[in-house]
PDB file of N, CA and C in Angstrom:
ATOM      1  N   MET A   1      29.740 -21.268  25.484  1.00  0.00           N
ATOM      2  CA  MET A   1      29.183 -20.931  26.781  1.00  0.00           C
ATOM      3  C   MET A   1      28.414 -22.150  27.288  1.00  0.00           C
ATOM      4  N   ASN A   2      28.657 -22.504  28.545  1.00  0.00           N
ATOM      5  CA  ASN A   2      27.961 -23.668  29.090  1.00  0.00           C
ATOM      6  C   ASN A   2      26.579 -23.277  29.631  1.00  0.00           C
ATOM      7  N   ILE A   3      25.831 -24.270  30.035  1.00  0.00           N
ATOM      8  CA  ILE A   3      24.447 -24.048  30.474  1.00  0.00           C
ATOM      9  C   ILE A   3      24.377 -23.158  31.708  1.00  0.00           C
ATOM     10  N   LEU A   4      25.276 -23.372  32.663  1.00  0.00           N
ATOM     11  CA  LEU A   4      25.258 -22.565  33.887  1.00  0.00           C
ATOM     12  C   LEU A   4      25.567 -21.100  33.584  1.00  0.00           C
ATOM     13  N   GLU A   5      26.577 -20.862  32.743  1.00  0.00           N
ATOM     14  CA  GLU A   5      26.899 -19.484  32.363  1.00  0.00           C
ATOM     15  C   GLU A   5      25.714 -18.834  31.665  1.00  0.00           C
ATOM     16  N   SER A   6      25.097 -19.567  30.761  1.00  0.00           N
ATOM     17  CA  SER A   6      23.937 -19.055  30.035  1.00  0.00           C
ATOM     18  C   SER A   6      22.788 -18.732  30.987  1.00  0.00           C
ATOM     19  N   HIS A   7      22.547 -19.605  31.961  1.00  0.00           N
ATOM     20  CA  HIS A   7      21.479 -19.383  32.944  1.00  0.00           C
ATOM     21  C   HIS A   7      21.752 -18.127  33.772  1.00  0.00           C
ATOM     22  N   ILE A   8      22.980 -17.978  34.236  1.00  0.00           N
ATOM     23  CA  ILE A   8      23.334 -16.808  35.050  1.00  0.00           C
ATOM     24  C   ILE A   8      23.154 -15.530  34.243  1.00  0.00           C
ATOM     25  N   LEU A   9      23.666 -15.506  33.012  1.00  0.00           N
ATOM     26  CA  LEU A   9      23.543 -14.302  32.186  1.00  0.00           C
ATOM     27  C   LEU A   9      22.084 -14.011  31.848  1.00  0.00           C
ATOM     28  N   SER A  10      21.308 -15.044  31.581  1.00  0.00           N
ATOM     29  CA  SER A  10      19.890 -14.852  31.280  1.00  0.00           C
ATOM     30  C   SER A  10      19.162 -14.245  32.478  1.00  0.00           C
ATOM     31  N   ARG A  11      19.453 -14.748  33.651  1.00  0.00           N
ATOM     32  CA  ARG A  11      18.826 -14.235  34.876  1.00  0.00           C
ATOM     33  C   ARG A  11      19.215 -12.781  35.122  1.00  0.00           C
ATOM     34  N   LEU A  12      20.489 -12.478  34.904  1.00  0.00           N
ATOM     35  CA  LEU A  12      20.947 -11.106  35.106  1.00  0.00           C
ATOM     36  C   LEU A  12      20.401 -10.166  34.033  1.00  0.00           C
ATOM     37  N   ALA A  13      20.224 -10.671  32.829  1.00  0.00           N
ATOM     38  CA  ALA A  13      19.672  -9.838  31.758  1.00  0.00           C
ATOM     39  C   ALA A  13      18.254  -9.406  32.101  1.00  0.00           C
ATOM     40  N   ALA A  14      17.532 -10.259  32.800  1.00  0.00           N
ATOM     41  CA  ALA A  14      16.155  -9.943  33.179  1.00  0.00           C
ATOM     42  C   ALA A  14      16.089  -8.976  34.353  1.00  0.00           C
ATOM     43  N   LYS A  15      17.028  -9.084  35.291  1.00  0.00           N
ATOM     44  CA  LYS A  15      16.957  -8.285  36.514  1.00  0.00           C
ATOM     45  C   LYS A  15      18.013  -7.186  36.608  1.00  0.00           C
ATOM     46  N   ARG A  16      19.099  -7.304  35.864  1.00  0.00           N
ATOM     47  CA  ARG A  16      20.240  -6.372  35.871  1.00  0.00           C
ATOM     48  C   ARG A  16      21.108  -6.477  37.115  1.00  0.00           C
ATOM     49  N   HIS A  17      20.539  -6.556  38.299  1.00  0.00           N
ATOM     50  CA  HIS A  17      21.297  -6.705  39.549  1.00  0.00           C
ATOM     51  C   HIS A  17      20.707  -7.865  40.344  1.00  0.00           C
ATOM     52  N   VAL A  18      21.548  -8.783  40.778  1.00  0.00           N
ATOM     53  CA  VAL A  18      21.102  -9.930  41.562  1.00  0.00           C
ATOM     54  C   VAL A  18      22.067 -10.105  42.724  1.00  0.00           C
ATOM     55  N   PRO A  19      21.558 -10.337  43.930  1.00  0.00           N
ATOM     56  CA  PRO A  19      22.463 -10.595  45.057  1.00  0.00           C
ATOM     57  C   PRO A  19      23.335 -11.825  44.773  1.00  0.00           C
ATOM     58  N   ALA A  20      24.604 -11.721  45.063  1.00  0.00           N
ATOM     59  CA  ALA A  20      25.526 -12.842  44.840  1.00  0.00           C
ATOM     60  C   ALA A  20      25.089 -14.075  45.619  1.00  0.00           C
ATOM     61  N   ALA A  21      24.393 -13.873  46.719  1.00  0.00           N
ATOM     62  CA  ALA A  21      23.920 -14.989  47.546  1.00  0.00           C
ATOM     63  C   ALA A  21      22.946 -15.899  46.795  1.00  0.00           C
ATOM     64  N   GLU A  22      22.372 -15.421  45.697  1.00  0.00           N
ATOM     65  CA  GLU A  22      21.461 -16.248  44.909  1.00  0.00           C
ATOM     66  C   GLU A  22      22.206 -17.294  44.080  1.00  0.00           C
ATOM     67  N   PHE A  23      23.536 -17.198  44.050  1.00  0.00           N
ATOM     68  CA  PHE A  23      24.371 -18.156  43.325  1.00  0.00           C
ATOM     69  C   PHE A  23      25.404 -18.748  44.282  1.00  0.00           C
ATOM     70  N   PRO A  24      24.962 -19.446  45.339  1.00  0.00           N
ATOM     71  CA  PRO A  24      25.875 -19.872  46.403  1.00  0.00           C
ATOM     72  C   PRO A  24      26.923 -20.898  45.985  1.00  0.00           C
ATOM     73  N   ASN A  25      26.648 -21.718  45.015  1.00  0.00           N
ATOM     74  CA  ASN A  25      27.578 -22.777  44.620  1.00  0.00           C
ATOM     75  C   ASN A  25      28.187 -22.535  43.247  1.00  0.00           C
ATOM     76  N   CYS A  26      28.252 -21.272  42.847  1.00  0.00           N
ATOM     77  CA  CYS A  26      28.705 -20.941  41.497  1.00  0.00           C
ATOM     78  C   CYS A  26      29.936 -20.038  41.496  1.00  0.00           C
ATOM     79  N   ALA A  27      30.733 -20.076  42.547  1.00  0.00           N
ATOM     80  CA  ALA A  27      31.868 -19.156  42.668  1.00  0.00           C
ATOM     81  C   ALA A  27      32.823 -19.255  41.483  1.00  0.00           C
ATOM     82  N   GLY A  28      33.116 -20.459  41.037  1.00  0.00           N
ATOM     83  CA  GLY A  28      34.033 -20.636  39.912  1.00  0.00           C
ATOM     84  C   GLY A  28      33.473 -20.065  38.621  1.00  0.00           C
ATOM     85  N   THR A  29      32.214 -20.340  38.363  1.00  0.00           N
ATOM     86  CA  THR A  29      31.570 -19.829  37.150  1.00  0.00           C
ATOM     87  C   THR A  29      31.466 -18.312  37.194  1.00  0.00           C
ATOM     88  N   LEU A  30      31.108 -17.761  38.352  1.00  0.00           N
ATOM     89  CA  LEU A  30      31.040 -16.304  38.488  1.00  0.00           C
ATOM     90  C   LEU A  30      32.414 -15.688  38.252  1.00  0.00           C
ATOM     91  N   ALA A  31      33.465 -16.317  38.779  1.00  0.00           N
ATOM     92  CA  ALA A  31      34.823 -15.802  38.587  1.00  0.00           C
ATOM     93  C   ALA A  31      35.196 -15.787  37.105  1.00  0.00           C
ATOM     94  N   LEU A  32      34.822 -16.834  36.376  1.00  0.00           N
ATOM     95  CA  LEU A  32      35.110 -16.873  34.939  1.00  0.00           C
ATOM     96  C   LEU A  32      34.338 -15.795  34.184  1.00  0.00           C
ATOM     97  N   LEU A  33      33.081 -15.596  34.545  1.00  0.00           N
ATOM     98  CA  LEU A  33      32.279 -14.559  33.884  1.00  0.00           C
ATOM     99  C   LEU A  33      32.820 -13.165  34.192  1.00  0.00           C
ATOM    100  N   ILE A  34      33.329 -12.973  35.404  1.00  0.00           N
ATOM    101  CA  ILE A  34      33.955 -11.691  35.757  1.00  0.00           C
ATOM    102  C   ILE A  34      35.227 -11.511  34.941  1.00  0.00           C
ATOM    103  N   GLN A  35      36.045 -12.559  34.866  1.00  0.00           N
ATOM    104  CA  GLN A  35      37.299 -12.509  34.113  1.00  0.00           C
ATOM    105  C   GLN A  35      37.038 -12.217  32.636  1.00  0.00           C
ATOM    106  N   ASP A  36      35.971 -12.774  32.092  1.00  0.00           N
ATOM    107  CA  ASP A  36      35.618 -12.554  30.685  1.00  0.00           C
ATOM    108  C   ASP A  36      34.974 -11.192  30.446  1.00  0.00           C
ATOM    109  N   GLY A  37      34.664 -10.461  31.519  1.00  0.00           N
ATOM    110  CA  GLY A  37      34.062  -9.140  31.379  1.00  0.00           C
ATOM    111  C   GLY A  37      32.561  -9.163  31.155  1.00  0.00           C
ATOM    112  N   CYS A  38      31.920 -10.303  31.429  1.00  0.00           N
ATOM    113  CA  CYS A  38      30.478 -10.430  31.214  1.00  0.00           C
ATOM    114  C   CYS A  38      29.660  -9.924  32.397  1.00  0.00           C
ATOM    115  N   ILE A  39      30.244 -10.002  33.595  1.00  0.00           N
ATOM    116  CA  ILE A  39      29.555  -9.531  34.796  1.00  0.00           C
ATOM    117  C   ILE A  39      30.534  -8.776  35.684  1.00  0.00           C
ATOM    118  N   GLU A  40      29.977  -8.023  36.615  1.00  0.00           N
ATOM    119  CA  GLU A  40      30.768  -7.312  37.624  1.00  0.00           C
ATOM    120  C   GLU A  40      30.200  -7.652  38.988  1.00  0.00           C
ATOM    121  N   ARG A  41      31.072  -7.734  39.971  1.00  0.00           N
ATOM    122  CA  ARG A  41      30.641  -7.961  41.360  1.00  0.00           C
ATOM    123  C   ARG A  41      30.877  -6.657  42.103  1.00  0.00           C
ATOM    124  N   GLN A  42      29.835  -6.162  42.750  1.00  0.00           N
ATOM    125  CA  GLN A  42      29.924  -4.913  43.502  1.00  0.00           C
ATOM    126  C   GLN A  42      29.568  -5.184  44.954  1.00  0.00           C
ATOM    127  N   SER A  43      30.385  -4.668  45.855  1.00  0.00           N
ATOM    128  CA  SER A  43      30.113  -4.820  47.288  1.00  0.00           C
ATOM    129  C   SER A  43      29.325  -3.620  47.779  1.00  0.00           C
ATOM    130  N   GLY A  44      28.364  -3.887  48.620  1.00  0.00           N
ATOM    131  CA  GLY A  44      27.550  -2.823  49.191  1.00  0.00           C
ATOM    132  C   GLY A  44      27.186  -3.136  50.623  1.00  0.00           C
ATOM    133  N   GLU A  45      26.442  -2.253  51.219  1.00  0.00           N
ATOM    134  CA  GLU A  45      26.032  -2.426  52.614  1.00  0.00           C
ATOM    135  C   GLU A  45      25.181  -3.674  52.818  1.00  0.00           C
ATOM    136  N   LEU A  46      24.448  -4.062  51.807  1.00  0.00           N
ATOM    137  CA  LEU A  46      23.560  -5.220  51.920  1.00  0.00           C
ATOM    138  C   LEU A  46      24.190  -6.497  51.368  1.00  0.00           C
ATOM    139  N   GLY A  47      25.479  -6.477  51.083  1.00  0.00           N
ATOM    140  CA  GLY A  47      26.169  -7.649  50.549  1.00  0.00           C
ATOM    141  C   GLY A  47      26.569  -7.450  49.100  1.00  0.00           C
ATOM    142  N   ASP A  48      27.213  -8.462  48.547  1.00  0.00           N
ATOM    143  CA  ASP A  48      27.672  -8.397  47.165  1.00  0.00           C
ATOM    144  C   ASP A  48      26.503  -8.516  46.196  1.00  0.00           C
ATOM    145  N   VAL A  49      26.618  -7.768  45.108  1.00  0.00           N
ATOM    146  CA  VAL A  49      25.613  -7.785  44.050  1.00  0.00           C
ATOM    147  C   VAL A  49      26.332  -8.093  42.742  1.00  0.00           C
ATOM    148  N   ILE A  50      25.724  -8.928  41.922  1.00  0.00           N
ATOM    149  CA  ILE A  50      26.252  -9.250  40.606  1.00  0.00           C
ATOM    150  C   ILE A  50      25.475  -8.422  39.588  1.00  0.00           C
ATOM    151  N   ARG A  51      26.212  -7.778  38.681  1.00  0.00           N
ATOM    152  CA  ARG A  51      25.598  -6.940  37.650  1.00  0.00           C
ATOM    153  C   ARG A  51      26.109  -7.384  36.290  1.00  0.00           C
ATOM    154  N   ILE A  52      25.228  -7.468  35.321  1.00  0.00           N
ATOM    155  CA  ILE A  52      25.621  -7.842  33.969  1.00  0.00           C
ATOM    156  C   ILE A  52      26.218  -6.625  33.263  1.00  0.00           C
ATOM    157  N   THR A  53      27.241  -6.857  32.457  1.00  0.00           N
ATOM    158  CA  THR A  53      27.847  -5.789  31.669  1.00  0.00           C
ATOM    159  C   THR A  53      27.223  -5.794  30.273  1.00  0.00           C
ATOM    160  N   ASP A  54      27.566  -4.801  29.471  1.00  0.00           N
ATOM    161  CA  ASP A  54      27.066  -4.769  28.096  1.00  0.00           C
ATOM    162  C   ASP A  54      27.513  -6.011  27.324  1.00  0.00           C
ATOM    163  N   LYS A  55      28.760  -6.435  27.550  1.00  0.00           N
ATOM    164  CA  LYS A  55      29.268  -7.640  26.885  1.00  0.00           C
ATOM    165  C   LYS A  55      28.450  -8.864  27.302  1.00  0.00           C
ATOM    166  N   GLY A  56      28.157  -8.987  28.576  1.00  0.00           N
ATOM    167  CA  GLY A  56      27.361 -10.109  29.064  1.00  0.00           C
ATOM    168  C   GLY A  56      25.950 -10.090  28.513  1.00  0.00           C
ATOM    169  N   LEU A  57      25.382  -8.902  28.419  1.00  0.00           N
ATOM    170  CA  LEU A  57      24.036  -8.766  27.863  1.00  0.00           C
ATOM    171  C   LEU A  57      24.019  -9.218  26.405  1.00  0.00           C
ATOM    172  N   GLN A  58      25.036  -8.828  25.650  1.00  0.00           N
ATOM    173  CA  GLN A  58      25.122  -9.240  24.249  1.00  0.00           C
ATOM    174  C   GLN A  58      25.287 -10.753  24.137  1.00  0.00           C
ATOM    175  N   GLN A  59      26.118 -11.337  24.991  1.00  0.00           N
ATOM    176  CA  GLN A  59      26.302 -12.792  24.953  1.00  0.00           C
ATOM    177  C   GLN A  59      25.014 -13.517  25.328  1.00  0.00           C
ATOM    178  N   SER A  60      24.247 -12.950  26.238  1.00  0.00           N
ATOM    179  CA  SER A  60      22.970 -13.542  26.618  1.00  0.00           C
ATOM    180  C   SER A  60      22.012 -13.536  25.435  1.00  0.00           C
ATOM    181  N   VAL A  61      21.954 -12.437  24.729  1.00  0.00           N
ATOM    182  CA  VAL A  61      21.091 -12.320  23.546  1.00  0.00           C
ATOM    183  C   VAL A  61      21.545 -13.305  22.471  1.00  0.00           C
ATOM    184  N   ASP A  62      22.866 -13.373  22.238  1.00  0.00           N
ATOM    185  CA  ASP A  62      23.403 -14.289  21.228  1.00  0.00           C
ATOM    186  C   ASP A  62      23.110 -15.742  21.590  1.00  0.00           C
ATOM    187  N   SER A  63      23.223 -16.072  22.862  1.00  0.00           N
ATOM    188  CA  SER A  63      22.979 -17.436  23.338  1.00  0.00           C
ATOM    189  C   SER A  63      21.516 -17.826  23.141  1.00  0.00           C
ATOM    190  N   ARG A  64      20.611 -16.906  23.445  1.00  0.00           N
ATOM    191  CA  ARG A  64      19.182 -17.189  23.251  1.00  0.00           C
ATOM    192  C   ARG A  64      18.852 -17.340  21.777  1.00  0.00           C
ATOM    193  N   ALA A  65      19.468 -16.515  20.928  1.00  0.00           N
ATOM    194  CA  ALA A  65      19.218 -16.599  19.492  1.00  0.00           C
ATOM    195  C   ALA A  65      19.723 -17.933  18.941  1.00  0.00           C
ATOM    196  N   ALA A  66      20.877 -18.380  19.407  1.00  0.00           N
ATOM    197  CA  ALA A  66      21.428 -19.660  18.954  1.00  0.00           C
ATOM    198  C   ALA A  66      20.559 -20.821  19.432  1.00  0.00           C
ATOM    199  N   GLY A  67      19.991 -20.696  20.614  1.00  0.00           N
ATOM    200  CA  GLY A  67      19.145 -21.752  21.164  1.00  0.00           C
ATOM    201  C   GLY A  67      17.804 -21.876  20.473  1.00  0.00           C
ATOM    202  N   SER A  68      17.339 -20.794  19.865  1.00  0.00           N
ATOM    203  CA  SER A  68      16.024 -20.819  19.228  1.00  0.00           C
ATOM    204  C   SER A  68      16.083 -21.244  17.771  1.00  0.00           C
ATOM    205  N   SER A  69      17.303 -21.379  17.224  1.00  0.00           N
ATOM    206  CA  SER A  69      17.385 -21.778  15.818  1.00  0.00           C
ATOM    207  C   SER A  69      17.475 -23.257  15.634  1.00  0.00           C
TER     208      SER A  69
END
């Protein structure tokens, strides 16, 4: 997992739902995380929202544990 993916998952792990607009230049990385099943993009009246999945939450925890050792 690269630094940007780790940052996105860490941010989502803390908030659970984040407006997609908060990641304006990360379309490719978001697409890869969606493809890997780590996040979901949901459309709503207020715009797209990115939500972390259980798999993404686990990868975020694993990434933090690896970084602290």
